[in-house]
Amino acid sequence: MQLRRAASGFSLVELAVVLAIVALLVGGAMATLSSQVENRNQEETRRRLEAAVEALIGYAIVNRRLPCPATATGDEALASGTPATGGPCTTNFPTNSNGFLPARTIGIQQTDSQGYAVDAWNNRIRFAVANAVTGCTGTSTSPHFTSQANLKANGVSCRPNDLVVCASSVGINASSCNAAPSVTNQNTVAFIVFSTGKNGAIASAYGPDETANLDGDPVFVSRPPSGSDAANGAYDDIMLWVPVGVFYGRLIAAGVLP
């Protein structure tokens, strides 16, 4: 007598287990891919910021001054003076609506339709340049860094006296780190370039430390990134600053100063 072979197949329980495993594998792959994309964006943004620093120093070597931050287009915004000689800036420190890297002025290529330099998330890169100075043996005429004549006349004894980088916004005021830990002192930073990170286009998502970087004063915060659940909120800004000694050193090496 010939036995009929029983038909085989997956039960509903077995199918559910297989689908759950597939879902876990797909979810893990997506998370890994998302992490890789974010890492690439961060690395690309740092590369663009480093290129911006070099372009700003190159501009200063050629034009014997730093440019002003941009406000309405990708060109620097001078409050007075001319592009040939420089002068006071319309703004020295960024807010939500101004204080951008003047990409067209310095020749940066990754820009949006209005000529502003952008990071890897297509958010506009910010730029701050010191305004106040101290310790000058020359005439100490302001502005120092954005004026061709003043930079030469004041000389390398002048130190910046406003830009400062803190480790937190807790305890800062509008002019100093105050009670907050400081990363730099008040007489170190000639200029700053920074990205507002992935959440740069969503002001409502900023943590207090990110908000402090766009409040129009010379006090900035730089710290490791964190999510919104951190003690002082979200932070994903990427910031580079150039010490005045490095800036002067490059101009001296190029024969621009003293």
Protein backbone atom coordinates (compact mmCIF):
# COMPACT_ATOMS: atom_id res chain seq x y z
CA MET A 1 0.00 0.00 0.00
CA GLN A 2 1.46 3.42 -1.07
CA LEU A 3 1.39 6.17 1.55
CA ARG A 4 0.56 9.67 0.40
CA ARG A 5 3.23 12.17 1.38
CA ALA A 6 1.81 14.91 3.58
CA ALA A 7 1.86 18.37 2.06
CA SER A 8 4.33 20.70 3.77
CA GLY A 9 4.18 24.49 4.31
CA PHE A 10 4.60 27.35 6.81
CA SER A 11 2.13 27.82 9.59
CA LEU A 12 0.91 31.32 10.44
CA VAL A 13 3.15 31.33 13.51
CA GLU A 14 6.19 30.45 11.43
CA LEU A 15 5.36 33.16 8.88
CA ALA A 16 5.01 35.71 11.66
CA VAL A 17 8.41 34.76 13.06
CA VAL A 18 10.03 35.04 9.62
CA LEU A 19 8.44 38.44 8.99
CA ALA A 20 9.57 39.68 12.40
CA ILE A 21 13.14 38.61 11.68
CA VAL A 22 13.06 40.30 8.27
CA ALA A 23 11.68 43.48 9.86
CA LEU A 24 14.49 43.50 12.43
CA LEU A 25 17.11 43.02 9.74
CA VAL A 26 15.66 45.79 7.56
CA GLY A 27 15.34 48.11 10.55
CA GLY A 28 18.95 47.49 11.55
CA ALA A 29 20.15 48.09 8.00
CA MET A 30 18.18 51.35 7.78
CA ALA A 31 19.56 52.55 11.11
CA THR A 32 23.09 51.75 9.99
CA LEU A 33 22.53 53.53 6.67
CA SER A 34 21.07 56.58 8.43
CA SER A 35 24.05 56.69 10.78
CA GLN A 36 26.44 56.48 7.84
CA VAL A 37 24.64 59.31 6.05
CA GLU A 38 24.82 61.51 9.16
CA ASN A 39 28.52 60.78 9.61
CA ARG A 40 29.17 61.68 5.97
CA ASN A 41 27.20 64.91 6.34
CA GLN A 42 29.14 65.87 9.45
CA GLU A 43 32.48 65.10 7.79
CA GLU A 44 31.50 67.01 4.64
CA THR A 45 30.36 69.99 6.73
CA ARG A 46 33.65 70.05 8.64
CA ARG A 47 35.48 69.95 5.32
CA ARG A 48 33.46 72.93 4.06
CA LEU A 49 34.13 74.86 7.26
CA GLU A 50 37.85 74.16 6.97
CA ALA A 51 37.74 75.31 3.34
CA ALA A 52 35.92 78.46 4.48
CA VAL A 53 38.65 79.21 7.03
CA GLU A 54 41.32 78.89 4.34
CA ALA A 55 39.29 81.05 1.94
CA LEU A 56 38.85 83.75 4.59
CA ILE A 57 42.57 83.80 5.37
CA GLY A 58 43.35 83.81 1.64
CA TYR A 59 41.00 86.76 1.19
CA ALA A 60 42.75 88.59 4.03
CA ILE A 61 46.16 87.95 2.46
CA VAL A 62 45.05 89.34 -0.90
CA ASN A 63 42.88 92.20 0.38
CA ARG A 64 44.77 92.96 3.61
CA ARG A 65 41.65 92.62 5.72
CA LEU A 66 38.90 90.16 6.61
CA PRO A 67 35.50 90.46 4.91
CA CYS A 68 32.32 91.32 6.80
CA PRO A 69 29.53 88.79 7.36
CA ALA A 70 26.80 88.70 4.71
CA THR A 71 23.23 89.79 5.42
CA ALA A 72 21.08 90.14 2.28
CA THR A 73 23.08 88.25 -0.36
CA GLY A 74 26.21 86.10 -0.53
CA ASP A 75 28.31 89.27 -0.59
CA GLU A 76 29.84 90.89 2.49
CA ALA A 77 27.73 93.62 4.07
CA LEU A 78 29.70 96.79 4.83
CA ALA A 79 27.99 99.48 6.91
CA SER A 80 30.30 102.02 5.27
CA GLY A 81 33.51 102.07 3.27
CA THR A 82 34.17 100.20 0.05
CA PRO A 83 35.05 96.60 -0.87
CA ALA A 84 38.50 97.82 -1.87
CA THR A 85 39.31 99.27 1.56
CA GLY A 86 36.80 97.68 3.92
CA GLY A 87 35.29 99.28 6.99
CA PRO A 88 32.63 98.71 9.66
CA CYS A 89 30.30 95.76 9.15
CA THR A 90 26.52 95.86 9.05
CA THR A 91 26.73 93.08 11.64
CA ASN A 92 29.64 91.23 13.20
CA PHE A 93 27.70 88.50 15.01
CA PRO A 94 25.00 86.18 13.61
CA THR A 95 21.28 86.15 14.33
CA ASN A 96 18.60 83.93 12.83
CA SER A 97 18.32 86.24 9.82
CA ASN A 98 21.86 87.50 9.17
CA GLY A 99 25.57 86.99 9.84
CA PHE A 100 26.36 84.50 7.07
CA LEU A 101 29.59 83.46 5.41
CA PRO A 102 30.03 85.80 2.39
CA ALA A 103 30.58 83.01 -0.12
CA ARG A 104 30.58 85.14 -3.26
CA THR A 105 33.06 87.57 -1.73
CA ILE A 106 35.58 84.87 -0.82
CA GLY A 107 34.87 82.48 -3.71
CA ILE A 108 33.26 79.48 -1.98
CA GLN A 109 31.43 77.26 -4.48
CA GLN A 110 28.84 75.29 -2.45
CA THR A 111 26.10 77.93 -2.34
CA ASP A 112 22.34 78.27 -2.47
CA SER A 113 20.40 80.32 -5.03
CA GLN A 114 21.20 83.60 -3.22
CA GLY A 115 24.92 82.98 -3.08
CA TYR A 116 25.17 81.93 0.56
CA ALA A 117 27.58 79.15 1.49
CA VAL A 118 25.75 76.05 2.74
CA ASP A 119 26.64 72.99 4.80
CA ALA A 120 25.88 69.38 3.89
CA TRP A 121 22.26 69.82 5.07
CA ASN A 122 21.89 72.91 2.81
CA ASN A 123 21.72 75.23 5.82
CA ARG A 124 23.61 78.50 5.50
CA ILE A 125 27.04 78.65 7.13
CA ARG A 126 27.48 81.38 9.73
CA PHE A 127 30.40 83.76 10.20
CA ALA A 128 31.41 86.07 13.06
CA VAL A 129 34.38 88.45 13.08
CA ALA A 130 35.83 90.28 16.08
CA ASN A 131 35.01 93.97 16.32
CA ALA A 132 36.50 95.26 19.58
CA VAL A 133 40.27 95.14 20.15
CA THR A 134 42.66 95.75 23.03
CA GLY A 135 46.40 96.10 23.64
CA CYS A 136 47.06 98.07 20.45
CA THR A 137 50.26 100.09 20.26
CA GLY A 138 49.01 101.93 17.19
CA THR A 139 46.02 104.23 16.89
CA SER A 140 43.57 101.51 17.98
CA THR A 141 41.02 102.66 15.41
CA SER A 142 38.00 100.40 14.94
CA PRO A 143 37.16 98.32 13.07
CA HIS A 144 40.49 96.52 13.13
CA PHE A 145 40.09 93.22 11.29
CA THR A 146 37.77 94.36 8.47
CA SER A 147 39.59 97.59 7.57
CA GLN A 148 42.66 97.48 5.34
CA ALA A 149 44.06 100.74 6.72
CA ASN A 150 43.35 100.00 10.38
CA LEU A 151 44.73 96.45 10.31
CA LYS A 152 48.00 97.79 8.95
CA ALA A 153 48.17 100.86 11.20
CA ASN A 154 47.17 99.14 14.43
CA GLY A 155 49.55 96.23 13.90
CA VAL A 156 49.83 92.78 15.45
CA SER A 157 49.84 94.05 19.01
CA CYS A 158 46.04 94.37 18.77
CA ARG A 159 44.11 91.48 20.25
CA PRO A 160 40.39 90.80 19.79
CA ASN A 161 38.30 91.81 22.78
CA ASP A 162 34.79 90.47 22.24
CA LEU A 163 34.47 87.01 20.63
CA VAL A 164 34.59 84.21 23.18
CA VAL A 165 33.64 80.50 23.10
CA CYS A 166 32.02 78.87 26.14
CA ALA A 167 31.27 75.22 26.95
CA SER A 168 27.65 75.93 27.93
CA SER A 169 25.05 78.68 27.78
CA VAL A 170 24.21 78.19 31.45
CA GLY A 171 25.58 81.22 33.28
CA ILE A 172 26.71 83.25 30.26
CA ASN A 173 25.77 86.88 29.66
CA ALA A 174 25.80 89.04 26.53
CA SER A 175 29.50 89.85 26.76
CA SER A 176 31.31 86.94 28.46
CA CYS A 177 31.14 83.32 29.60
CA ASN A 178 30.60 84.74 33.09
CA ALA A 179 29.77 81.68 35.26
CA ALA A 180 29.93 79.19 32.38
CA PRO A 181 33.13 77.21 31.64
CA SER A 182 35.16 78.94 28.92
CA VAL A 183 36.79 77.26 25.94
CA THR A 184 38.70 80.38 24.86
CA ASN A 185 39.42 83.64 26.61
CA GLN A 186 38.15 87.05 25.52
CA ASN A 187 41.35 87.98 23.67
CA THR A 188 41.90 84.90 21.52
CA VAL A 189 39.39 84.56 18.66
CA ALA A 190 39.75 86.59 15.45
CA PHE A 191 36.81 84.95 13.67
CA ILE A 192 34.40 82.02 13.83
CA VAL A 193 32.68 79.93 11.16
CA PHE A 194 30.01 77.42 12.08
CA SER A 195 27.21 75.22 10.85
CA THR A 196 23.86 75.08 12.65
CA GLY A 197 23.80 71.32 11.96
CA LYS A 198 21.01 69.05 10.83
CA ASN A 199 18.34 70.96 12.76
CA GLY A 200 19.57 74.31 11.44
CA ALA A 201 16.40 75.01 9.46
CA ILE A 202 14.12 74.29 12.44
CA ALA A 203 14.55 77.08 14.98
CA SER A 204 11.94 75.54 17.28
CA ALA A 205 14.23 72.49 17.65
CA TYR A 206 17.22 74.49 18.92
CA GLY A 207 18.50 73.85 22.40
CA PRO A 208 19.62 76.78 24.60
CA ASP A 209 23.26 76.31 23.59
CA GLU A 210 22.35 76.51 19.90
CA THR A 211 20.13 79.55 20.49
CA ALA A 212 23.09 81.30 22.16
CA ASN A 213 25.02 81.08 18.87
CA LEU A 214 22.37 83.10 17.01
CA ASP A 215 21.47 85.83 19.47
CA GLY A 216 23.57 88.59 17.91
CA ASP A 217 26.20 88.91 20.63
CA PRO A 218 29.89 87.84 20.66
CA VAL A 219 29.42 84.94 23.11
CA PHE A 220 29.29 81.48 21.50
CA VAL A 221 28.91 77.89 22.71
CA SER A 222 30.78 74.86 21.40
CA ARG A 223 30.34 71.41 22.96
CA PRO A 224 29.83 67.75 22.00
CA PRO A 225 26.54 66.96 20.22
CA SER A 226 23.50 65.79 22.16
CA GLY A 227 19.81 65.06 21.66
CA SER A 228 16.88 67.04 23.00
CA ASP A 229 16.80 64.83 26.10
CA ALA A 230 20.18 66.15 27.32
CA ALA A 231 20.37 68.44 30.35
CA ASN A 232 20.80 71.54 28.22
CA GLY A 233 18.81 70.39 25.21
CA ALA A 234 19.75 69.53 21.65
CA TYR A 235 23.10 70.57 20.20
CA ASP A 236 24.52 69.68 16.81
CA ASP A 237 26.31 72.90 15.77
CA ILE A 238 29.77 72.38 14.24
CA MET A 239 32.12 75.27 14.98
CA LEU A 240 35.64 76.31 14.02
CA TRP A 241 37.46 79.39 15.28
CA VAL A 242 40.78 80.93 14.34
CA PRO A 243 43.04 82.32 17.09
CA VAL A 244 44.42 85.76 16.40
CA GLY A 245 48.00 84.44 16.60
CA VAL A 246 47.31 81.98 13.80
CA PHE A 247 45.66 84.70 11.74
CA TYR A 248 48.54 87.15 12.22
CA GLY A 249 51.08 84.39 11.58
CA ARG A 250 49.58 83.63 8.18
CA LEU A 251 49.55 87.31 7.20
CA ILE A 252 53.12 87.81 8.40
CA ALA A 253 54.28 84.76 6.44
CA ALA A 254 52.61 86.22 3.35
CA GLY A 255 54.31 89.58 3.82
CA VAL A 256 51.07 91.45 4.54
CA LEU A 257 51.98 92.29 8.15
CA PRO A 258 53.57 93.90 10.06
